[in-house]
C-alpha atoms as a PDB file:
ATOM      1  CA  UNK A   1       4.137  -8.246  15.775  1.00  0.00           C
ATOM      2  CA  UNK A   2       6.939  -6.073  14.661  1.00  0.00           C
ATOM      3  CA  UNK A   3       7.496  -2.550  16.380  1.00  0.00           C
ATOM      4  CA  UNK A   4       7.510  -1.066  12.643  1.00  0.00           C
ATOM      5  CA  UNK A   5       3.861  -2.334  12.149  1.00  0.00           C
ATOM      6  CA  UNK A   6       2.746  -1.181  15.831  1.00  0.00           C
ATOM      7  CA  UNK A   7       4.318   2.310  14.687  1.00  0.00           C
ATOM      8  CA  UNK A   8       2.701   2.194  11.300  1.00  0.00           C
ATOM      9  CA  UNK A   9      -0.918   1.551  12.696  1.00  0.00           C
ATOM     10  CA  UNK A  10      -0.394   4.296  14.890  1.00  0.00           C
ATOM     11  CA  UNK A  11       0.919   6.781  12.486  1.00  0.00           C
ATOM     12  CA  UNK A  12      -2.120   5.801  10.195  1.00  0.00           C
ATOM     13  CA  UNK A  13      -4.675   6.316  13.090  1.00  0.00           C
ATOM     14  CA  UNK A  14      -3.376   9.705  13.782  1.00  0.00           C
ATOM     15  CA  UNK A  15      -3.226  10.703  10.174  1.00  0.00           C
ATOM     16  CA  UNK A  16      -6.903   9.816   9.889  1.00  0.00           C
ATOM     17  CA  UNK A  17      -8.180  12.029  12.455  1.00  0.00           C
ATOM     18  CA  UNK A  18      -5.940  14.860  11.964  1.00  0.00           C
ATOM     19  CA  UNK A  19      -7.576  14.891   8.175  1.00  0.00           C
ATOM     20  CA  UNK A  20     -11.075  14.677   9.926  1.00  0.00           C
ATOM     21  CA  UNK A  21     -10.271  17.498  11.925  1.00  0.00           C
ATOM     22  CA  UNK A  22      -8.760  19.622   9.623  1.00  0.00           C
ATOM     23  CA  UNK A  23     -12.058  19.135   7.288  1.00  0.00           C
ATOM     24  CA  UNK A  24     -14.072  20.258  10.363  1.00  0.00           C
ATOM     25  CA  UNK A  25     -15.037  23.881  10.074  1.00  0.00           C
ATOM     26  CA  UNK A  26     -14.354  24.281  14.016  1.00  0.00           C
ATOM     27  CA  UNK A  27     -11.424  21.833  13.990  1.00  0.00           C
ATOM     28  CA  UNK A  28      -7.734  22.091  15.003  1.00  0.00           C
ATOM     29  CA  UNK A  29      -4.959  19.692  15.179  1.00  0.00           C
ATOM     30  CA  UNK A  30      -1.775  20.556  17.599  1.00  0.00           C
ATOM     31  CA  UNK A  31       0.746  19.419  19.982  1.00  0.00           C
ATOM     32  CA  UNK A  32       0.540  19.752  23.822  1.00  0.00           C
ATOM     33  CA  UNK A  33       3.148  18.337  26.148  1.00  0.00           C
ATOM     34  CA  UNK A  34       3.125  14.587  25.638  1.00  0.00           C
ATOM     35  CA  UNK A  35       0.192  14.349  23.933  1.00  0.00           C
ATOM     36  CA  UNK A  36      -1.204  14.746  20.027  1.00  0.00           C
ATOM     37  CA  UNK A  37      -4.597  16.224  19.451  1.00  0.00           C
ATOM     38  CA  UNK A  38      -6.954  16.248  16.512  1.00  0.00           C
ATOM     39  CA  UNK A  39     -10.058  17.740  17.383  1.00  0.00           C
ATOM     40  CA  UNK A  40     -13.098  18.255  15.354  1.00  0.00           C
ATOM     41  CA  UNK A  41     -14.858  20.121  18.000  1.00  0.00           C
ATOM     42  CA  UNK A  42     -18.093  18.463  17.347  1.00  0.00           C
ATOM     43  CA  UNK A  43     -20.498  16.941  19.632  1.00  0.00           C
ATOM     44  CA  UNK A  44     -19.008  13.256  18.533  1.00  0.00           C
ATOM     45  CA  UNK A  45     -16.387  12.148  21.559  1.00  0.00           C
ATOM     46  CA  UNK A  46     -14.809   9.737  18.974  1.00  0.00           C
ATOM     47  CA  UNK A  47     -13.554  12.631  16.695  1.00  0.00           C
ATOM     48  CA  UNK A  48     -12.305  14.944  19.457  1.00  0.00           C
ATOM     49  CA  UNK A  49      -9.417  12.783  20.127  1.00  0.00           C
ATOM     50  CA  UNK A  50      -5.956  12.720  22.093  1.00  0.00           C
ATOM     51  CA  UNK A  51      -2.859  10.197  21.113  1.00  0.00           C
ATOM     52  CA  UNK A  52       0.312   9.328  22.510  1.00  0.00           C
ATOM     53  CA  UNK A  53       2.886  10.722  19.884  1.00  0.00           C
ATOM     54  CA  UNK A  54       5.090   8.101  21.098  1.00  0.00           C
ATOM     55  CA  UNK A  55       5.625   4.871  23.496  1.00  0.00           C
ATOM     56  CA  UNK A  56       5.728   6.032  27.219  1.00  0.00           C
ATOM     57  CA  UNK A  57       7.175   3.728  29.927  1.00  0.00           C
ATOM     58  CA  UNK A  58       6.285   5.661  33.292  1.00  0.00           C
ATOM     59  CA  UNK A  59       3.429   6.345  35.160  1.00  0.00           C
ATOM     60  CA  UNK A  60       4.355  10.183  35.154  1.00  0.00           C
ATOM     61  CA  UNK A  61       4.621  10.483  31.294  1.00  0.00           C
ATOM     62  CA  UNK A  62       1.104   9.060  30.861  1.00  0.00           C
ATOM     63  CA  UNK A  63      -0.807  11.135  33.550  1.00  0.00           C
ATOM     64  CA  UNK A  64       0.971  14.204  31.970  1.00  0.00           C
ATOM     65  CA  UNK A  65      -0.283  13.262  28.597  1.00  0.00           C
ATOM     66  CA  UNK A  66      -3.976  12.648  29.829  1.00  0.00           C
ATOM     67  CA  UNK A  67      -4.050  15.895  31.784  1.00  0.00           C
ATOM     68  CA  UNK A  68      -2.811  17.828  29.015  1.00  0.00           C
ATOM     69  CA  UNK A  69      -5.393  16.510  26.879  1.00  0.00           C
ATOM     70  CA  UNK A  70      -7.813  17.270  29.435  1.00  0.00           C
ATOM     71  CA  UNK A  71      -6.839  20.900  29.899  1.00  0.00           C
ATOM     72  CA  UNK A  72      -7.291  21.204  26.166  1.00  0.00           C
ATOM     73  CA  UNK A  73     -10.974  19.598  25.932  1.00  0.00           C
ATOM     74  CA  UNK A  74     -12.455  20.525  29.020  1.00  0.00           C
ATOM     75  CA  UNK A  75     -12.968  23.974  28.633  1.00  0.00           C
ATOM     76  CA  UNK A  76     -14.835  23.502  25.279  1.00  0.00           C
ATOM     77  CA  UNK A  77     -17.521  21.313  26.785  1.00  0.00           C
ATOM     78  CA  UNK A  78     -17.177  18.385  24.280  1.00  0.00           C
ATOM     79  CA  UNK A  79     -16.921  14.818  25.029  1.00  0.00           C
ATOM     80  CA  UNK A  80     -13.637  13.589  24.169  1.00  0.00           C
ATOM     81  CA  UNK A  81     -11.441  10.221  23.867  1.00  0.00           C
ATOM     82  CA  UNK A  82      -7.927   9.353  24.479  1.00  0.00           C
ATOM     83  CA  UNK A  83      -6.688   6.380  22.167  1.00  0.00           C
ATOM     84  CA  UNK A  84      -4.275   4.378  24.069  1.00  0.00           C
ATOM     85  CA  UNK A  85      -2.454   1.617  22.051  1.00  0.00           C
ATOM     86  CA  UNK A  86      -1.761  -1.202  23.833  1.00  0.00           C
ATOM     87  CA  UNK A  87       1.882  -1.897  23.117  1.00  0.00           C
ATOM     88  CA  UNK A  88       2.874   1.760  23.930  1.00  0.00           C
ATOM     89  CA  UNK A  89       2.429   1.239  27.301  1.00  0.00           C
ATOM     90  CA  UNK A  90       3.892  -1.756  29.535  1.00  0.00           C
ATOM     91  CA  UNK A  91       1.653  -4.363  30.388  1.00  0.00           C
ATOM     92  CA  UNK A  92       1.959  -3.077  34.366  1.00  0.00           C
ATOM     93  CA  UNK A  93       1.145   0.654  33.458  1.00  0.00           C
ATOM     94  CA  UNK A  94      -1.485  -0.651  30.875  1.00  0.00           C
ATOM     95  CA  UNK A  95      -3.232  -2.517  34.019  1.00  0.00           C
ATOM     96  CA  UNK A  96      -3.450   0.929  36.005  1.00  0.00           C
ATOM     97  CA  UNK A  97      -4.125   3.224  33.259  1.00  0.00           C
ATOM     98  CA  UNK A  98      -8.408   3.305  33.760  1.00  0.00           C
ATOM     99  CA  UNK A  99      -7.294   4.382  37.538  1.00  0.00           C
ATOM    100  CA  UNK A 100      -5.214   6.908  36.220  1.00  0.00           C
ATOM    101  CA  UNK A 101      -7.573   8.482  33.788  1.00  0.00           C
ATOM    102  CA  UNK A 102     -10.781   8.323  36.076  1.00  0.00           C
ATOM    103  CA  UNK A 103     -10.133  11.759  37.832  1.00  0.00           C
ATOM    104  CA  UNK A 104     -10.296  13.410  34.445  1.00  0.00           C
ATOM    105  CA  UNK A 105     -13.275  11.973  33.443  1.00  0.00           C
ATOM    106  CA  UNK A 106     -12.220   9.337  31.312  1.00  0.00           C
ATOM    107  CA  UNK A 107     -13.712   6.064  31.433  1.00  0.00           C
ATOM    108  CA  UNK A 108     -12.850   2.503  29.171  1.00  0.00           C
ATOM    109  CA  UNK A 109     -15.220   2.268  26.067  1.00  0.00           C
ATOM    110  CA  UNK A 110     -14.758   0.275  22.799  1.00  0.00           C
ATOM    111  CA  UNK A 111     -11.495  -1.567  21.796  1.00  0.00           C
ATOM    112  CA  UNK A 112     -10.243  -1.149  18.292  1.00  0.00           C
ATOM    113  CA  UNK A 113      -7.827  -3.511  16.719  1.00  0.00           C
ATOM    114  CA  UNK A 114      -5.133  -2.318  14.129  1.00  0.00           C
ATOM    115  CA  UNK A 115      -4.887  -4.917  10.950  1.00  0.00           C
ATOM    116  CA  UNK A 116      -2.850  -4.544   8.043  1.00  0.00           C
ATOM    117  CA  UNK A 117      -3.027  -6.769   4.825  1.00  0.00           C
ATOM    118  CA  UNK A 118      -0.664  -6.778   2.005  1.00  0.00           C
ATOM    119  CA  UNK A 119      -3.328  -7.738  -0.244  1.00  0.00           C
ATOM    120  CA  UNK A 120      -6.893  -9.409  -0.100  1.00  0.00           C
ATOM    121  CA  UNK A 121      -7.937 -12.823   0.207  1.00  0.00           C
ATOM    122  CA  UNK A 122     -10.478 -13.801  -2.607  1.00  0.00           C
ATOM    123  CA  UNK A 123     -13.798 -13.390  -1.165  1.00  0.00           C
ATOM    124  CA  UNK A 124     -15.043 -16.371   0.752  1.00  0.00           C
ATOM    125  CA  UNK A 125     -18.459 -16.038  -0.393  1.00  0.00           C
ATOM    126  CA  UNK A 126     -20.768 -14.594  -3.320  1.00  0.00           C
ATOM    127  CA  UNK A 127     -21.275 -11.082  -2.312  1.00  0.00           C
ATOM    128  CA  UNK A 128     -24.498  -9.014  -2.309  1.00  0.00           C
ATOM    129  CA  UNK A 129     -25.566  -7.168  -5.367  1.00  0.00           C
ATOM    130  CA  UNK A 130     -25.180  -3.398  -4.910  1.00  0.00           C
ATOM    131  CA  UNK A 131     -25.166  -0.069  -6.572  1.00  0.00           C
ATOM    132  CA  UNK A 132     -21.782   1.473  -5.774  1.00  0.00           C
ATOM    133  CA  UNK A 133     -21.491   5.227  -5.812  1.00  0.00           C
ATOM    134  CA  UNK A 134     -18.817   7.892  -4.837  1.00  0.00           C
ATOM    135  CA  UNK A 135     -19.246  10.283  -2.394  1.00  0.00           C
ATOM    136  CA  UNK A 136     -18.686  13.124  -4.880  1.00  0.00           C
ATOM    137  CA  UNK A 137     -22.254  14.817  -4.864  1.00  0.00           C
ATOM    138  CA  UNK A 138     -24.362  16.020  -1.792  1.00  0.00           C
ATOM    139  CA  UNK A 139     -26.578  13.320  -1.861  1.00  0.00           C
ATOM    140  CA  UNK A 140     -24.046  10.560  -1.448  1.00  0.00           C
ATOM    141  CA  UNK A 141     -22.113  12.371   0.846  1.00  0.00           C
ATOM    142  CA  UNK A 142     -25.153  12.709   2.936  1.00  0.00           C
ATOM    143  CA  UNK A 143     -25.881   9.193   2.990  1.00  0.00           C
ATOM    144  CA  UNK A 144     -22.715   8.335   3.994  1.00  0.00           C
ATOM    145  CA  UNK A 145     -22.969  10.663   7.152  1.00  0.00           C
ATOM    146  CA  UNK A 146     -26.498   9.166   8.261  1.00  0.00           C
ATOM    147  CA  UNK A 147     -24.825   5.843   7.733  1.00  0.00           C
ATOM    148  CA  UNK A 148     -22.038   6.762  10.279  1.00  0.00           C
ATOM    149  CA  UNK A 149     -24.450   8.561  12.544  1.00  0.00           C
ATOM    150  CA  UNK A 150     -27.133   5.926  12.646  1.00  0.00           C
ATOM    151  CA  UNK A 151     -24.391   3.130  13.155  1.00  0.00           C
ATOM    152  CA  UNK A 152     -22.534   4.804  16.039  1.00  0.00           C
ATOM    153  CA  UNK A 153     -25.933   6.491  17.701  1.00  0.00           C
ATOM    154  CA  UNK A 154     -24.789   9.862  16.958  1.00  0.00           C
ATOM    155  CA  UNK A 155     -27.189  12.882  16.193  1.00  0.00           C
ATOM    156  CA  UNK A 156     -27.602  13.143  12.153  1.00  0.00           C
ATOM    157  CA  UNK A 157     -27.033  16.646  12.515  1.00  0.00           C
ATOM    158  CA  UNK A 158     -23.457  15.741  13.879  1.00  0.00           C
ATOM    159  CA  UNK A 159     -22.704  13.697  11.185  1.00  0.00           C
ATOM    160  CA  UNK A 160     -23.570  15.753   8.410  1.00  0.00           C
ATOM    161  CA  UNK A 161     -21.463  18.482  10.410  1.00  0.00           C
ATOM    162  CA  UNK A 162     -18.670  16.296   9.920  1.00  0.00           C
ATOM    163  CA  UNK A 163     -18.836  14.010   6.567  1.00  0.00           C
ATOM    164  CA  UNK A 164     -20.917  16.128   4.663  1.00  0.00           C
ATOM    165  CA  UNK A 165     -18.122  18.232   3.196  1.00  0.00           C
ATOM    166  CA  UNK A 166     -17.100  18.292  -0.230  1.00  0.00           C
ATOM    167  CA  UNK A 167     -13.357  18.488   0.306  1.00  0.00           C
ATOM    168  CA  UNK A 168     -13.493  15.428   2.612  1.00  0.00           C
ATOM    169  CA  UNK A 169     -14.170  13.234  -0.113  1.00  0.00           C
ATOM    170  CA  UNK A 170     -11.612  14.315  -2.808  1.00  0.00           C
ATOM    171  CA  UNK A 171      -8.006  14.171  -3.572  1.00  0.00           C
ATOM    172  CA  UNK A 172      -6.516  11.802  -0.954  1.00  0.00           C
ATOM    173  CA  UNK A 173      -9.901  10.700   0.634  1.00  0.00           C
ATOM    174  CA  UNK A 174     -12.583   8.821  -1.564  1.00  0.00           C
ATOM    175  CA  UNK A 175     -15.779   7.835  -0.203  1.00  0.00           C
ATOM    176  CA  UNK A 176     -18.549   5.373  -1.213  1.00  0.00           C
ATOM    177  CA  UNK A 177     -21.861   4.360  -0.698  1.00  0.00           C
ATOM    178  CA  UNK A 178     -23.430   1.034  -1.307  1.00  0.00           C
ATOM    179  CA  UNK A 179     -27.219   0.795  -2.175  1.00  0.00           C
ATOM    180  CA  UNK A 180     -29.516  -2.166  -1.978  1.00  0.00           C
ATOM    181  CA  UNK A 181     -32.941  -2.531  -2.289  1.00  0.00           C
ATOM    182  CA  UNK A 182     -32.818   1.157  -3.022  1.00  0.00           C
ATOM    183  CA  UNK A 183     -31.642   2.310   0.228  1.00  0.00           C
ATOM    184  CA  UNK A 184     -28.312   3.511   1.712  1.00  0.00           C
ATOM    185  CA  UNK A 185     -27.002   0.107   2.975  1.00  0.00           C
ATOM    186  CA  UNK A 186     -22.990   0.587   3.731  1.00  0.00           C
ATOM    187  CA  UNK A 187     -20.514   2.765   3.316  1.00  0.00           C
ATOM    188  CA  UNK A 188     -16.733   3.108   3.916  1.00  0.00           C
ATOM    189  CA  UNK A 189     -13.922   5.756   2.868  1.00  0.00           C
ATOM    190  CA  UNK A 190     -10.173   5.106   1.712  1.00  0.00           C
ATOM    191  CA  UNK A 191      -7.245   7.487   2.291  1.00  0.00           C
ATOM    192  CA  UNK A 192      -4.255   7.739   0.975  1.00  0.00           C
ATOM    193  CA  UNK A 193      -1.416   7.727   3.769  1.00  0.00           C
ATOM    194  CA  UNK A 194       1.962   7.564   2.171  1.00  0.00           C
ATOM    195  CA  UNK A 195       2.492   3.869   0.930  1.00  0.00           C
ATOM    196  CA  UNK A 196      -0.924   2.251   2.009  1.00  0.00           C
ATOM    197  CA  UNK A 197      -4.751   2.900   1.690  1.00  0.00           C
ATOM    198  CA  UNK A 198      -6.306   3.577   4.828  1.00  0.00           C
ATOM    199  CA  UNK A 199      -9.749   2.283   5.315  1.00  0.00           C
ATOM    200  CA  UNK A 200     -12.129   4.419   7.675  1.00  0.00           C
ATOM    201  CA  UNK A 201     -16.137   5.391   8.441  1.00  0.00           C
ATOM    202  CA  UNK A 202     -17.216   1.800   7.831  1.00  0.00           C
ATOM    203  CA  UNK A 203     -20.917   1.617   8.804  1.00  0.00           C
ATOM    204  CA  UNK A 204     -23.688  -0.889   7.440  1.00  0.00           C
ATOM    205  CA  UNK A 205     -27.171  -0.237   8.525  1.00  0.00           C
ATOM    206  CA  UNK A 206     -28.965  -3.361  10.816  1.00  0.00           C
ATOM    207  CA  UNK A 207     -31.237  -4.662   8.038  1.00  0.00           C
ATOM    208  CA  UNK A 208     -28.041  -5.179   5.810  1.00  0.00           C
ATOM    209  CA  UNK A 209     -25.654  -6.779   7.774  1.00  0.00           C
ATOM    210  CA  UNK A 210     -24.166 -10.149   7.968  1.00  0.00           C
ATOM    211  CA  UNK A 211     -24.620 -10.067   4.223  1.00  0.00           C
ATOM    212  CA  UNK A 212     -21.399  -9.163   3.143  1.00  0.00           C
ATOM    213  CA  UNK A 213     -22.182  -5.503   2.259  1.00  0.00           C
ATOM    214  CA  UNK A 214     -19.384  -3.955   4.164  1.00  0.00           C
ATOM    215  CA  UNK A 215     -16.974  -6.549   2.254  1.00  0.00           C
ATOM    216  CA  UNK A 216     -18.559  -5.196  -1.032  1.00  0.00           C
ATOM    217  CA  UNK A 217     -18.030  -1.810  -0.446  1.00  0.00           C
ATOM    218  CA  UNK A 218     -14.553  -2.103   1.032  1.00  0.00           C
ATOM    219  CA  UNK A 219     -13.415  -3.996  -1.539  1.00  0.00           C
ATOM    220  CA  UNK A 220     -14.735  -1.550  -4.028  1.00  0.00           C
ATOM    221  CA  UNK A 221     -12.911   1.179  -2.438  1.00  0.00           C
ATOM    222  CA  UNK A 222      -9.637  -0.592  -2.460  1.00  0.00           C
ATOM    223  CA  UNK A 223     -10.119  -1.297  -5.976  1.00  0.00           C
ATOM    224  CA  UNK A 224     -10.518   2.303  -6.792  1.00  0.00           C
ATOM    225  CA  UNK A 225      -7.602   3.004  -4.317  1.00  0.00           C
ATOM    226  CA  UNK A 226      -5.857   0.691  -6.539  1.00  0.00           C
ATOM    227  CA  UNK A 227      -6.269   2.554  -9.554  1.00  0.00           C
ATOM    228  CA  UNK A 228      -5.911   5.863  -8.788  1.00  0.00           C
ATOM    229  CA  UNK A 229      -2.958   5.606  -6.192  1.00  0.00           C
ATOM    230  CA  UNK A 230      -1.138   2.163  -7.297  1.00  0.00           C
ATOM    231  CA  UNK A 231      -1.693   1.006  -3.753  1.00  0.00           C
ATOM    232  CA  UNK A 232      -2.510  -2.617  -2.494  1.00  0.00           C
ATOM    233  CA  UNK A 233      -1.095  -2.616   1.040  1.00  0.00           C
ATOM    234  CA  UNK A 234      -4.054  -1.642   3.676  1.00  0.00           C
ATOM    235  CA  UNK A 235      -4.525  -0.617   7.045  1.00  0.00           C
ATOM    236  CA  UNK A 236      -7.609  -0.172   9.182  1.00  0.00           C
ATOM    237  CA  UNK A 237      -8.636  -0.092  12.883  1.00  0.00           C
ATOM    238  CA  UNK A 238     -11.550  -2.694  13.588  1.00  0.00           C
ATOM    239  CA  UNK A 239     -14.250  -2.788  16.087  1.00  0.00           C
ATOM    240  CA  UNK A 240     -14.513  -6.518  17.689  1.00  0.00           C
ATOM    241  CA  UNK A 241     -18.216  -6.806  15.402  1.00  0.00           C
ATOM    242  CA  UNK A 242     -15.753  -6.068  12.035  1.00  0.00           C
ATOM    243  CA  UNK A 243     -12.876  -8.449  13.402  1.00  0.00           C
ATOM    244  CA  UNK A 244     -14.062 -11.805  11.705  1.00  0.00           C
ATOM    245  CA  UNK A 245     -15.033  -9.940   8.553  1.00  0.00           C
ATOM    246  CA  UNK A 246     -11.823  -8.408   7.904  1.00  0.00           C
ATOM    247  CA  UNK A 247      -9.912 -11.756   8.854  1.00  0.00           C
ATOM    248  CA  UNK A 248     -11.882 -13.272   5.992  1.00  0.00           C
ATOM    249  CA  UNK A 249     -10.627 -10.636   3.992  1.00  0.00           C
ATOM    250  CA  UNK A 250      -7.236 -11.069   4.487  1.00  0.00           C
ATOM    251  CA  UNK A 251      -6.207  -8.843   7.192  1.00  0.00           C
ATOM    252  CA  UNK A 252      -4.032  -9.808  10.326  1.00  0.00           C
ATOM    253  CA  UNK A 253      -4.024  -8.234  13.583  1.00  0.00           C
ATOM    254  CA  UNK A 254      -1.016  -5.775  14.559  1.00  0.00           C
ATOM    255  CA  UNK A 255      -1.819  -3.935  18.066  1.00  0.00           C
ATOM    256  CA  UNK A 256      -4.872  -2.940  19.624  1.00  0.00           C
ATOM    257  CA  UNK A 257      -6.109   0.398  20.916  1.00  0.00           C
ATOM    258  CA  UNK A 258      -8.189   0.920  24.296  1.00  0.00           C
ATOM    259  CA  UNK A 259     -10.432   4.169  23.763  1.00  0.00           C
ATOM    260  CA  UNK A 260     -11.232   5.982  26.908  1.00  0.00           C
ATOM    261  CA  UNK A 261     -14.002   8.338  26.650  1.00  0.00           C
ATOM    262  CA  UNK A 262     -14.745  11.795  28.669  1.00  0.00           C
ATOM    263  CA  UNK A 263     -18.474  12.881  28.516  1.00  0.00           C
ATOM    264  CA  UNK A 264     -19.390  16.561  27.649  1.00  0.00           C
ATOM    265  CA  UNK A 265     -18.838  19.074  30.216  1.00  0.00           C
ATOM    266  CA  UNK A 266     -22.096  20.100  31.955  1.00  0.00           C
ATOM    267  CA  UNK A 267     -22.469  23.901  31.909  1.00  0.00           C
ATOM    268  CA  UNK A 268     -20.045  24.555  29.185  1.00  0.00           C
END
């Protein structure tokens, strides 16, 4: 993959997490030596994030970045993550990353694949009929927050704290919920980021999976993004479960991110 697309995938990921942090009443975005921080400062480790601002090629630089992030997060007591783009470190250093991070309490967790599509392919199968609503009112925002909480095993109150925020779904970020059988079934958000539409917050409840619900909501969100902003190129970061769905839609892999998670600090 091209260095430009790898850079784009990193930039879009970091932009989205900075947006979430700025939307949080307790969040902040800042730069520390060798590391960027986007902290919502909530009890959800994935939303208290650290990133490399650029590729690194030495063990000292990688250790410095992780240590600087730990110095920020550990006194606050919240769980946190370091998102490491595999193409931004040499293979030999990548193989040692887990051992370098372990003394800081960081352990390998999920992997996300950065993906891009210049335009979507037509649906490969009929999509389910759903009522699609914008997250422009409290009920739909709450449903979107709850869908993410239930899908990612996070307390409902935490999800509401992060996502049930009016400013989160206006302007350059739009949220949508798909309702099936009179139940909130699937959701997503689409963000305008320069010349691409960035997809995030994808979640589907178990009874509605494997039916095309997520695809239907994402396609609707991207149609609205094209209508509002004229954007067709789209970027996202996929869990392993979402990879086959996105491939069918026309996305192709660009790079991978290994997430390293640190648990909350007891007594803080």
